[in-house]
C-alpha atoms as a PDB file:
ATOM      1  CA  MET A   1      16.837   1.068  -7.194  1.00  0.00           C
ATOM      2  CA  VAL A   2      15.479  -2.171  -8.669  1.00  0.00           C
ATOM      3  CA  VAL A   3      11.963  -0.926  -9.460  1.00  0.00           C
ATOM      4  CA  GLY A   4      12.911   0.105 -13.007  1.00  0.00           C
ATOM      5  CA  LEU A   5      14.371  -3.319 -13.711  1.00  0.00           C
ATOM      6  CA  ILE A   6      11.284  -5.054 -12.300  1.00  0.00           C
ATOM      7  CA  ILE A   7       8.941  -2.971 -14.454  1.00  0.00           C
ATOM      8  CA  PHE A   8      11.076  -3.539 -17.556  1.00  0.00           C
ATOM      9  CA  CYS A   9      11.061  -7.302 -17.000  1.00  0.00           C
ATOM     10  CA  THR A  10       7.300  -7.279 -16.367  1.00  0.00           C
ATOM     11  CA  VAL A  11       6.566  -5.438 -19.620  1.00  0.00           C
ATOM     12  CA  THR A  12       8.954  -7.660 -21.575  1.00  0.00           C
ATOM     13  CA  HIS A  13       7.336 -10.771 -20.131  1.00  0.00           C
ATOM     14  CA  GLY A  14       3.869  -9.434 -20.939  1.00  0.00           C
ATOM     15  CA  VAL A  15       4.732  -8.697 -24.574  1.00  0.00           C
ATOM     16  CA  ALA A  16       6.537 -12.014 -24.991  1.00  0.00           C
ATOM     17  CA  GLY A  17       3.495 -13.848 -23.623  1.00  0.00           C
ATOM     18  CA  MET A  18       1.239 -12.564 -26.407  1.00  0.00           C
ATOM     19  CA  ARG A  19       1.076 -14.597 -29.565  1.00  0.00           C
ATOM     20  CA  ASP A  20      -0.997 -11.988 -31.382  1.00  0.00           C
ATOM     21  CA  LEU A  21       1.228  -8.921 -31.789  1.00  0.00           C
ATOM     22  CA  GLY A  22      -1.771  -6.929 -33.005  1.00  0.00           C
ATOM     23  CA  LYS A  23      -3.303  -7.445 -29.577  1.00  0.00           C
ATOM     24  CA  VAL A  24      -0.341  -5.663 -27.991  1.00  0.00           C
ATOM     25  CA  GLY A  25      -1.096  -2.469 -29.903  1.00  0.00           C
ATOM     26  CA  ARG A  26      -4.833  -2.713 -29.232  1.00  0.00           C
ATOM     27  CA  ILE A  27      -4.364  -3.159 -25.497  1.00  0.00           C
ATOM     28  CA  ALA A  28      -1.864  -0.295 -25.377  1.00  0.00           C
ATOM     29  CA  VAL A  29      -4.234   2.046 -27.243  1.00  0.00           C
ATOM     30  CA  ASN A  30      -7.236   1.067 -25.092  1.00  0.00           C
ATOM     31  CA  ALA A  31      -5.205   1.546 -21.928  1.00  0.00           C
ATOM     32  CA  LEU A  32      -3.863   4.964 -22.971  1.00  0.00           C
ATOM     33  CA  VAL A  33      -7.346   6.183 -23.964  1.00  0.00           C
ATOM     34  CA  TYR A  34      -8.696   5.051 -20.602  1.00  0.00           C
ATOM     35  CA  PHE A  35      -5.833   6.717 -18.731  1.00  0.00           C
ATOM     36  CA  GLU A  36      -6.251  10.041 -20.528  1.00  0.00           C
ATOM     37  CA  VAL A  37     -10.022  10.154 -20.001  1.00  0.00           C
ATOM     38  CA  VAL A  38      -9.808   9.278 -16.301  1.00  0.00           C
ATOM     39  CA  THR A  39      -6.885  11.603 -15.484  1.00  0.00           C
ATOM     40  CA  THR A  40      -8.555  14.475 -17.346  1.00  0.00           C
ATOM     41  CA  LEU A  41     -11.727  13.826 -15.350  1.00  0.00           C
ATOM     42  CA  ALA A  42      -9.671  13.850 -12.136  1.00  0.00           C
ATOM     43  CA  LEU A  43      -8.131  17.208 -13.077  1.00  0.00           C
ATOM     44  CA  VAL A  44     -11.553  18.695 -13.875  1.00  0.00           C
ATOM     45  CA  ILE A  45     -12.988  17.427 -10.579  1.00  0.00           C
ATOM     46  CA  GLY A  46     -10.042  18.935  -8.704  1.00  0.00           C
ATOM     47  CA  LEU A  47     -10.381  22.311 -10.430  1.00  0.00           C
ATOM     48  CA  VAL A  48     -14.161  22.521 -10.005  1.00  0.00           C
ATOM     49  CA  THR A  49     -14.054  21.495  -6.339  1.00  0.00           C
ATOM     50  CA  ILE A  50     -11.328  23.947  -5.357  1.00  0.00           C
ATOM     51  CA  ASN A  51     -13.111  26.792  -7.189  1.00  0.00           C
ATOM     52  CA  VAL A  52     -16.372  26.027  -5.402  1.00  0.00           C
ATOM     53  CA  LEU A  53     -14.864  25.655  -1.908  1.00  0.00           C
ATOM     54  CA  LYS A  54     -12.255  28.458  -2.263  1.00  0.00           C
ATOM     55  CA  PRO A  55     -10.221  27.422   0.817  1.00  0.00           C
ATOM     56  CA  GLY A  56      -7.395  29.902   0.223  1.00  0.00           C
ATOM     57  CA  ILE A  57      -9.370  32.946  -0.847  1.00  0.00           C
ATOM     58  CA  ASP A  58      -9.052  34.880   2.465  1.00  0.00           C
ATOM     59  CA  MET A  59      -5.457  33.977   3.351  1.00  0.00           C
ATOM     60  CA  HIS A  60      -3.838  36.983   1.624  1.00  0.00           C
ATOM     61  CA  ILE A  61      -0.311  35.549   1.745  1.00  0.00           C
ATOM     62  CA  ASP A  62       2.518  37.776   0.554  1.00  0.00           C
ATOM     63  CA  PRO A  63       4.784  35.558  -1.640  1.00  0.00           C
ATOM     64  CA  ALA A  64       7.772  37.675  -0.634  1.00  0.00           C
ATOM     65  CA  SER A  65       7.360  36.541   2.970  1.00  0.00           C
ATOM     66  CA  LEU A  66       7.668  32.862   2.077  1.00  0.00           C
ATOM     67  CA  HIS A  67      10.948  31.000   2.363  1.00  0.00           C
ATOM     68  CA  ALA A  68      11.750  28.709  -0.516  1.00  0.00           C
ATOM     69  CA  ASP A  69      13.901  26.538   1.744  1.00  0.00           C
ATOM     70  CA  ALA A  70      11.108  25.708   4.202  1.00  0.00           C
ATOM     71  CA  LYS A  71      11.495  22.248   5.712  1.00  0.00           C
ATOM     72  CA  ASP A  72       8.982  19.441   5.449  1.00  0.00           C
ATOM     73  CA  THR A  73       8.129  18.707   9.053  1.00  0.00           C
ATOM     74  CA  ALA A  74       4.981  16.679   8.477  1.00  0.00           C
ATOM     75  CA  PRO A  75       4.639  13.540  10.576  1.00  0.00           C
ATOM     76  CA  ALA A  76       4.651  10.149   8.892  1.00  0.00           C
ATOM     77  CA  ALA A  77       1.246   8.745   8.020  1.00  0.00           C
ATOM     78  CA  ALA A  78       0.117   6.256  10.628  1.00  0.00           C
ATOM     79  CA  VAL A  79      -0.601   2.735   9.425  1.00  0.00           C
ATOM     80  CA  GLY A  80      -3.335   2.405  12.064  1.00  0.00           C
ATOM     81  CA  PHE A  81      -5.151   5.303  10.441  1.00  0.00           C
ATOM     82  CA  GLY A  82      -4.651   3.555   7.106  1.00  0.00           C
ATOM     83  CA  ASP A  83      -6.478   0.488   8.392  1.00  0.00           C
ATOM     84  CA  SER A  84      -9.535   2.585   9.159  1.00  0.00           C
ATOM     85  CA  LEU A  85      -9.443   4.123   5.690  1.00  0.00           C
ATOM     86  CA  VAL A  86      -9.156   0.750   3.974  1.00  0.00           C
ATOM     87  CA  SER A  87     -12.308  -0.414   5.779  1.00  0.00           C
ATOM     88  CA  LEU A  88     -14.216   2.278   3.875  1.00  0.00           C
ATOM     89  CA  VAL A  89     -13.238   1.143   0.382  1.00  0.00           C
ATOM     90  CA  PRO A  90     -15.326  -1.261  -1.760  1.00  0.00           C
ATOM     91  CA  THR A  91     -14.813  -5.056  -1.853  1.00  0.00           C
ATOM     92  CA  LEU A  92     -12.918  -4.783  -5.952  1.00  0.00           C
ATOM     93  CA  LEU A  93     -10.385  -2.753  -3.796  1.00  0.00           C
ATOM     94  CA  ARG A  94     -10.431  -4.369  -0.213  1.00  0.00           C
ATOM     95  CA  TYR A  95      -8.789  -7.391  -1.830  1.00  0.00           C
ATOM     96  CA  PHE A  96      -5.692  -5.161  -2.108  1.00  0.00           C
ATOM     97  CA  ARG A  97      -5.867  -3.969   1.524  1.00  0.00           C
ATOM     98  CA  GLU A  98      -2.259  -4.845   2.404  1.00  0.00           C
ATOM     99  CA  GLU A  99      -0.915  -2.935  -0.575  1.00  0.00           C
ATOM    100  CA  LEU A 100      -3.148   0.075   0.101  1.00  0.00           C
ATOM    101  CA  VAL A 101      -2.029   0.250   3.727  1.00  0.00           C
ATOM    102  CA  LEU A 102       1.616  -0.066   2.668  1.00  0.00           C
ATOM    103  CA  VAL A 103       1.430   2.875   0.266  1.00  0.00           C
ATOM    104  CA  LEU A 104      -0.217   4.957   3.000  1.00  0.00           C
ATOM    105  CA  GLY A 105       2.888   4.433   5.098  1.00  0.00           C
ATOM    106  CA  THR A 106       5.513   4.773   2.372  1.00  0.00           C
ATOM    107  CA  SER A 107       3.792   7.350   0.101  1.00  0.00           C
ATOM    108  CA  SER A 108       5.332   5.469  -2.827  1.00  0.00           C
ATOM    109  CA  SER A 109       3.265   3.414  -5.263  1.00  0.00           C
ATOM    110  CA  GLU A 110       6.307   1.503  -6.548  1.00  0.00           C
ATOM    111  CA  SER A 111       6.673  -0.216  -3.169  1.00  0.00           C
ATOM    112  CA  VAL A 112       3.754  -2.522  -3.996  1.00  0.00           C
ATOM    113  CA  PHE A 113       4.264  -3.101  -7.722  1.00  0.00           C
ATOM    114  CA  PRO A 114       5.343  -6.780  -7.429  1.00  0.00           C
ATOM    115  CA  GLN A 115       2.469  -7.590  -5.054  1.00  0.00           C
ATOM    116  CA  LEU A 116      -0.113  -5.928  -7.326  1.00  0.00           C
ATOM    117  CA  THR A 117       1.173  -7.869 -10.325  1.00  0.00           C
ATOM    118  CA  GLY A 118       0.788 -11.163  -8.459  1.00  0.00           C
ATOM    119  CA  LYS A 119      -2.644 -10.362  -7.045  1.00  0.00           C
ATOM    120  CA  LEU A 120      -4.118  -9.151 -10.336  1.00  0.00           C
ATOM    121  CA  THR A 121      -2.935 -12.343 -12.015  1.00  0.00           C
ATOM    122  CA  LYS A 122      -4.405 -14.369  -9.161  1.00  0.00           C
ATOM    123  CA  LEU A 123      -7.707 -12.550  -9.667  1.00  0.00           C
ATOM    124  CA  GLY A 124      -7.926 -14.059 -13.128  1.00  0.00           C
ATOM    125  CA  VAL A 125      -6.578 -11.223 -15.282  1.00  0.00           C
ATOM    126  CA  ASP A 126      -4.460 -12.574 -18.131  1.00  0.00           C
ATOM    127  CA  GLU A 127      -0.780 -12.316 -17.221  1.00  0.00           C
ATOM    128  CA  SER A 128       0.102 -10.644 -20.511  1.00  0.00           C
ATOM    129  CA  VAL A 129      -2.546  -7.939 -19.949  1.00  0.00           C
ATOM    130  CA  VAL A 130      -1.279  -7.272 -16.415  1.00  0.00           C
ATOM    131  CA  GLY A 131       2.280  -7.099 -17.741  1.00  0.00           C
ATOM    132  CA  LEU A 132       1.323  -4.389 -20.237  1.00  0.00           C
ATOM    133  CA  VAL A 133      -1.364  -2.344 -18.528  1.00  0.00           C
ATOM    134  CA  LEU A 134      -0.124  -2.088 -14.931  1.00  0.00           C
ATOM    135  CA  PRO A 135       3.386  -0.746 -15.721  1.00  0.00           C
ATOM    136  CA  THR A 136       1.869   1.699 -18.218  1.00  0.00           C
ATOM    137  CA  ALA A 137      -0.614   2.831 -15.584  1.00  0.00           C
ATOM    138  CA  TYR A 138       2.261   3.626 -13.232  1.00  0.00           C
ATOM    139  CA  SER A 139       3.447   6.237 -15.727  1.00  0.00           C
ATOM    140  CA  PHE A 140       0.203   7.527 -17.238  1.00  0.00           C
ATOM    141  CA  ASN A 141      -2.635   6.894 -14.776  1.00  0.00           C
ATOM    142  CA  HIS A 142      -2.010   9.160 -11.781  1.00  0.00           C
ATOM    143  CA  ASP A 143      -5.588   9.950 -10.774  1.00  0.00           C
ATOM    144  CA  GLY A 144      -4.794  10.955  -7.208  1.00  0.00           C
ATOM    145  CA  THR A 145      -1.766  12.996  -8.246  1.00  0.00           C
ATOM    146  CA  CYS A 146      -3.890  14.872 -10.803  1.00  0.00           C
ATOM    147  CA  LEU A 147      -6.472  15.707  -8.134  1.00  0.00           C
ATOM    148  CA  TYR A 148      -3.664  16.926  -5.868  1.00  0.00           C
ATOM    149  CA  PHE A 149      -1.933  19.061  -8.489  1.00  0.00           C
ATOM    150  CA  ALA A 150      -5.153  20.694  -9.703  1.00  0.00           C
ATOM    151  CA  ALA A 151      -6.490  21.465  -6.233  1.00  0.00           C
ATOM    152  CA  VAL A 152      -3.187  22.624  -4.718  1.00  0.00           C
ATOM    153  CA  SER A 153      -2.242  24.823  -7.690  1.00  0.00           C
ATOM    154  CA  VAL A 154      -5.502  26.789  -7.556  1.00  0.00           C
ATOM    155  CA  PHE A 155      -5.370  26.880  -3.731  1.00  0.00           C
ATOM    156  CA  LEU A 156      -1.921  28.493  -3.869  1.00  0.00           C
ATOM    157  CA  ALA A 157      -3.196  31.010  -6.409  1.00  0.00           C
ATOM    158  CA  GLN A 158      -6.100  31.877  -4.085  1.00  0.00           C
ATOM    159  CA  ALA A 159      -3.841  32.108  -1.029  1.00  0.00           C
ATOM    160  CA  THR A 160      -1.385  34.488  -2.708  1.00  0.00           C
ATOM    161  CA  GLY A 161      -4.052  36.605  -4.381  1.00  0.00           C
ATOM    162  CA  THR A 162      -2.966  35.520  -7.870  1.00  0.00           C
ATOM    163  CA  ASP A 163      -5.606  36.251 -10.503  1.00  0.00           C
ATOM    164  CA  LEU A 164      -6.308  32.903 -12.152  1.00  0.00           C
ATOM    165  CA  GLY A 165      -9.327  33.110 -14.462  1.00  0.00           C
ATOM    166  CA  TRP A 166     -10.947  30.207 -16.298  1.00  0.00           C
ATOM    167  CA  GLN A 167      -8.744  30.651 -19.343  1.00  0.00           C
ATOM    168  CA  ALA A 168      -5.628  30.461 -17.192  1.00  0.00           C
ATOM    169  CA  GLN A 169      -7.051  27.414 -15.405  1.00  0.00           C
ATOM    170  CA  LEU A 170      -7.706  25.644 -18.697  1.00  0.00           C
ATOM    171  CA  GLY A 171      -4.101  26.336 -19.614  1.00  0.00           C
ATOM    172  CA  LEU A 172      -3.091  24.968 -16.211  1.00  0.00           C
ATOM    173  CA  LEU A 173      -5.115  21.818 -16.933  1.00  0.00           C
ATOM    174  CA  LEU A 174      -3.207  21.275 -20.180  1.00  0.00           C
ATOM    175  CA  VAL A 175       0.125  21.746 -18.408  1.00  0.00           C
ATOM    176  CA  LEU A 176      -0.933  19.312 -15.671  1.00  0.00           C
ATOM    177  CA  LEU A 177      -1.883  16.682 -18.245  1.00  0.00           C
ATOM    178  CA  VAL A 178       1.786  16.668 -19.224  1.00  0.00           C
ATOM    179  CA  THR A 179       3.569  17.205 -15.910  1.00  0.00           C
ATOM    180  CA  SER A 180       1.437  14.659 -14.019  1.00  0.00           C
ATOM    181  CA  LYS A 181       2.743  11.947 -16.346  1.00  0.00           C
ATOM    182  CA  GLY A 182       6.308  12.577 -15.234  1.00  0.00           C
ATOM    183  CA  GLY A 183       5.806  11.943 -11.534  1.00  0.00           C
ATOM    184  CA  ALA A 184       8.429   9.546 -10.220  1.00  0.00           C
ATOM    185  CA  GLY A 185       7.604   6.861  -7.649  1.00  0.00           C
ATOM    186  CA  VAL A 186       9.847   8.425  -5.032  1.00  0.00           C
ATOM    187  CA  SER A 187       8.161   9.686  -1.887  1.00  0.00           C
ATOM    188  CA  GLY A 188       8.000  13.487  -1.915  1.00  0.00           C
ATOM    189  CA  SER A 189       8.781  13.897  -5.621  1.00  0.00           C
ATOM    190  CA  ALA A 190       5.359  15.447  -6.236  1.00  0.00           C
ATOM    191  CA  ILE A 191       6.606  18.664  -4.635  1.00  0.00           C
ATOM    192  CA  ALA A 192       9.282  18.989  -7.329  1.00  0.00           C
ATOM    193  CA  VAL A 193       6.735  18.328 -10.091  1.00  0.00           C
ATOM    194  CA  LEU A 194       4.347  20.839  -8.499  1.00  0.00           C
ATOM    195  CA  ALA A 195       7.096  23.485  -8.440  1.00  0.00           C
ATOM    196  CA  LEU A 196       7.839  22.828 -12.118  1.00  0.00           C
ATOM    197  CA  THR A 197       4.142  23.127 -12.928  1.00  0.00           C
ATOM    198  CA  LEU A 198       3.863  26.476 -11.150  1.00  0.00           C
ATOM    199  CA  ALA A 199       6.983  27.690 -12.930  1.00  0.00           C
ATOM    200  CA  ALA A 200       5.420  26.719 -16.260  1.00  0.00           C
ATOM    201  CA  THR A 201       2.295  28.797 -15.543  1.00  0.00           C
ATOM    202  CA  ARG A 202       4.423  31.927 -14.906  1.00  0.00           C
ATOM    203  CA  THR A 203       1.603  33.331 -12.763  1.00  0.00           C
ATOM    204  CA  ILE A 204       1.506  31.424  -9.461  1.00  0.00           C
ATOM    205  CA  PRO A 205       4.614  32.154  -7.325  1.00  0.00           C
ATOM    206  CA  VAL A 206       6.791  29.052  -7.042  1.00  0.00           C
ATOM    207  CA  SER A 207       7.732  30.066  -3.498  1.00  0.00           C
ATOM    208  CA  SER A 208       4.102  29.529  -2.474  1.00  0.00           C
ATOM    209  CA  VAL A 209       4.822  25.781  -2.425  1.00  0.00           C
ATOM    210  CA  ALA A 210       6.115  26.432   1.107  1.00  0.00           C
ATOM    211  CA  LEU A 211       2.488  26.763   2.229  1.00  0.00           C
ATOM    212  CA  VAL A 212       1.809  23.058   1.658  1.00  0.00           C
ATOM    213  CA  LEU A 213       5.170  21.581   2.659  1.00  0.00           C
ATOM    214  CA  GLY A 214       3.995  21.032   6.221  1.00  0.00           C
ATOM    215  CA  ILE A 215       1.067  18.818   5.221  1.00  0.00           C
ATOM    216  CA  HIS A 216       2.514  17.328   2.057  1.00  0.00           C
ATOM    217  CA  ARG A 217       3.310  13.991   3.694  1.00  0.00           C
ATOM    218  CA  VAL A 218      -0.334  13.456   4.662  1.00  0.00           C
ATOM    219  CA  LEU A 219      -1.587  14.587   1.261  1.00  0.00           C
ATOM    220  CA  SER A 220       0.988  12.369  -0.464  1.00  0.00           C
ATOM    221  CA  ALA A 221      -0.264   9.301   1.382  1.00  0.00           C
ATOM    222  CA  ALA A 222      -3.802  10.119   0.244  1.00  0.00           C
ATOM    223  CA  PHE A 223      -3.108  10.675  -3.441  1.00  0.00           C
ATOM    224  CA  VAL A 224      -0.744   7.700  -3.767  1.00  0.00           C
ATOM    225  CA  PHE A 225      -3.509   5.589  -2.197  1.00  0.00           C
ATOM    226  CA  THR A 226      -5.837   6.860  -4.945  1.00  0.00           C
ATOM    227  CA  ASN A 227      -3.220   6.187  -7.642  1.00  0.00           C
ATOM    228  CA  ILE A 228      -2.930   2.530  -6.615  1.00  0.00           C
ATOM    229  CA  ALA A 229      -6.699   2.095  -6.484  1.00  0.00           C
ATOM    230  CA  GLY A 230      -6.972   3.661  -9.949  1.00  0.00           C
ATOM    231  CA  ASN A 231      -4.236   1.462 -11.405  1.00  0.00           C
ATOM    232  CA  THR A 232      -5.821  -1.766 -10.187  1.00  0.00           C
ATOM    233  CA  VAL A 233      -9.233  -0.721 -11.494  1.00  0.00           C
ATOM    234  CA  ALA A 234      -7.704   0.297 -14.840  1.00  0.00           C
ATOM    235  CA  THR A 235      -6.034  -3.098 -15.255  1.00  0.00           C
ATOM    236  CA  LEU A 236      -9.303  -4.902 -14.533  1.00  0.00           C
ATOM    237  CA  VAL A 237     -11.292  -2.643 -16.877  1.00  0.00           C
ATOM    238  CA  VAL A 238      -8.898  -3.066 -19.801  1.00  0.00           C
ATOM    239  CA  GLY A 239      -8.745  -6.794 -19.075  1.00  0.00           C
ATOM    240  CA  LYS A 240     -12.538  -7.006 -19.299  1.00  0.00           C
ATOM    241  CA  TRP A 241     -12.542  -5.028 -22.542  1.00  0.00           C
ATOM    242  CA  GLU A 242     -10.134  -7.573 -23.982  1.00  0.00           C
ATOM    243  CA  LYS A 243     -12.154 -10.482 -22.510  1.00  0.00           C
ATOM    244  CA  ALA A 244      -8.985 -11.504 -20.712  1.00  0.00           C
ATOM    245  CA  VAL A 245     -10.486 -11.890 -17.240  1.00  0.00           C
ATOM    246  CA  ASP A 246     -11.667 -15.191 -15.785  1.00  0.00           C
ATOM    247  CA  ARG A 247     -14.912 -13.954 -14.189  1.00  0.00           C
ATOM    248  CA  ASP A 248     -15.509 -17.071 -12.100  1.00  0.00           C
ATOM    249  CA  ARG A 249     -12.032 -16.895 -10.669  1.00  0.00           C
ATOM    250  CA  LEU A 250     -12.461 -13.155 -10.090  1.00  0.00           C
ATOM    251  CA  ARG A 251     -15.639 -13.674  -8.026  1.00  0.00           C
ATOM    252  CA  THR A 252     -14.119 -16.547  -6.057  1.00  0.00           C
ATOM    253  CA  GLU A 253     -10.956 -14.625  -5.174  1.00  0.00           C
ATOM    254  CA  LEU A 254     -12.811 -11.422  -4.270  1.00  0.00           C
ATOM    255  CA  ASP A 255     -15.245 -13.317  -2.038  1.00  0.00           C
ATOM    256  CA  ALA A 256     -12.395 -15.129  -0.318  1.00  0.00           C
ATOM    257  CA  GLY A 257     -10.425 -11.902   0.123  1.00  0.00           C
ATOM    258  CA  TYR A 258     -13.467 -10.057   1.492  1.00  0.00           C
ATOM    259  CA  ARG A 259     -14.250 -12.757   4.062  1.00  0.00           C
ATOM    260  CA  SER A 260     -10.680 -12.689   5.354  1.00  0.00           C
ATOM    261  CA  ALA A 261     -10.595  -8.890   5.627  1.00  0.00           C
END
């Protein structure tokens, strides 16, 4: 309930900390361009991969046999499993191991927003840049969610025998570029956004969402993990573009964080 207030205060503090108001607009534009390029790339990767692998092509599910009120019975993601995943990520990311493990368990990126803000500042990123870029990334830089939406949408089309050619998939990509930006930070909300996306296509049966309800919790932990990783990288990249990162401090903190991992 207090996440919105925290983000608002963070953005306000970031803007107030900048003496050059022109810099605010430049950082915002650079960040938005970065977000759009990366999320579009994520959508393309998701669409290409699911078309190559075709995991749902032989399922032949009759949409009429699906129940729209199917219950989500997926087990909670285990934190122990999260520890093993974190050990696979690079060092610019292992520094955020506690936050990454936490989002694996909660499936909500907002649960670690205050910690990420503090750690990015500690890494040497200018506080005003963190205050602008990170909150914006939470709304516009959903790399993992884009991968999930693209892959699951085409999978459901394959599973239900829905004809979804390349033209329809390009249209789906454009819809996803919009709907992926509206994902709330509440665990499980991606299902609602996915249903809205399918409804917007008017081709893939909305009831087919029931096919992924059982494993949504596991998938949610994975794509929220990717969202957090993408947001931290985005903040560092934009910070470097603006020459607002203390490189010596960055190396020192990353080395210290890696040794204690």
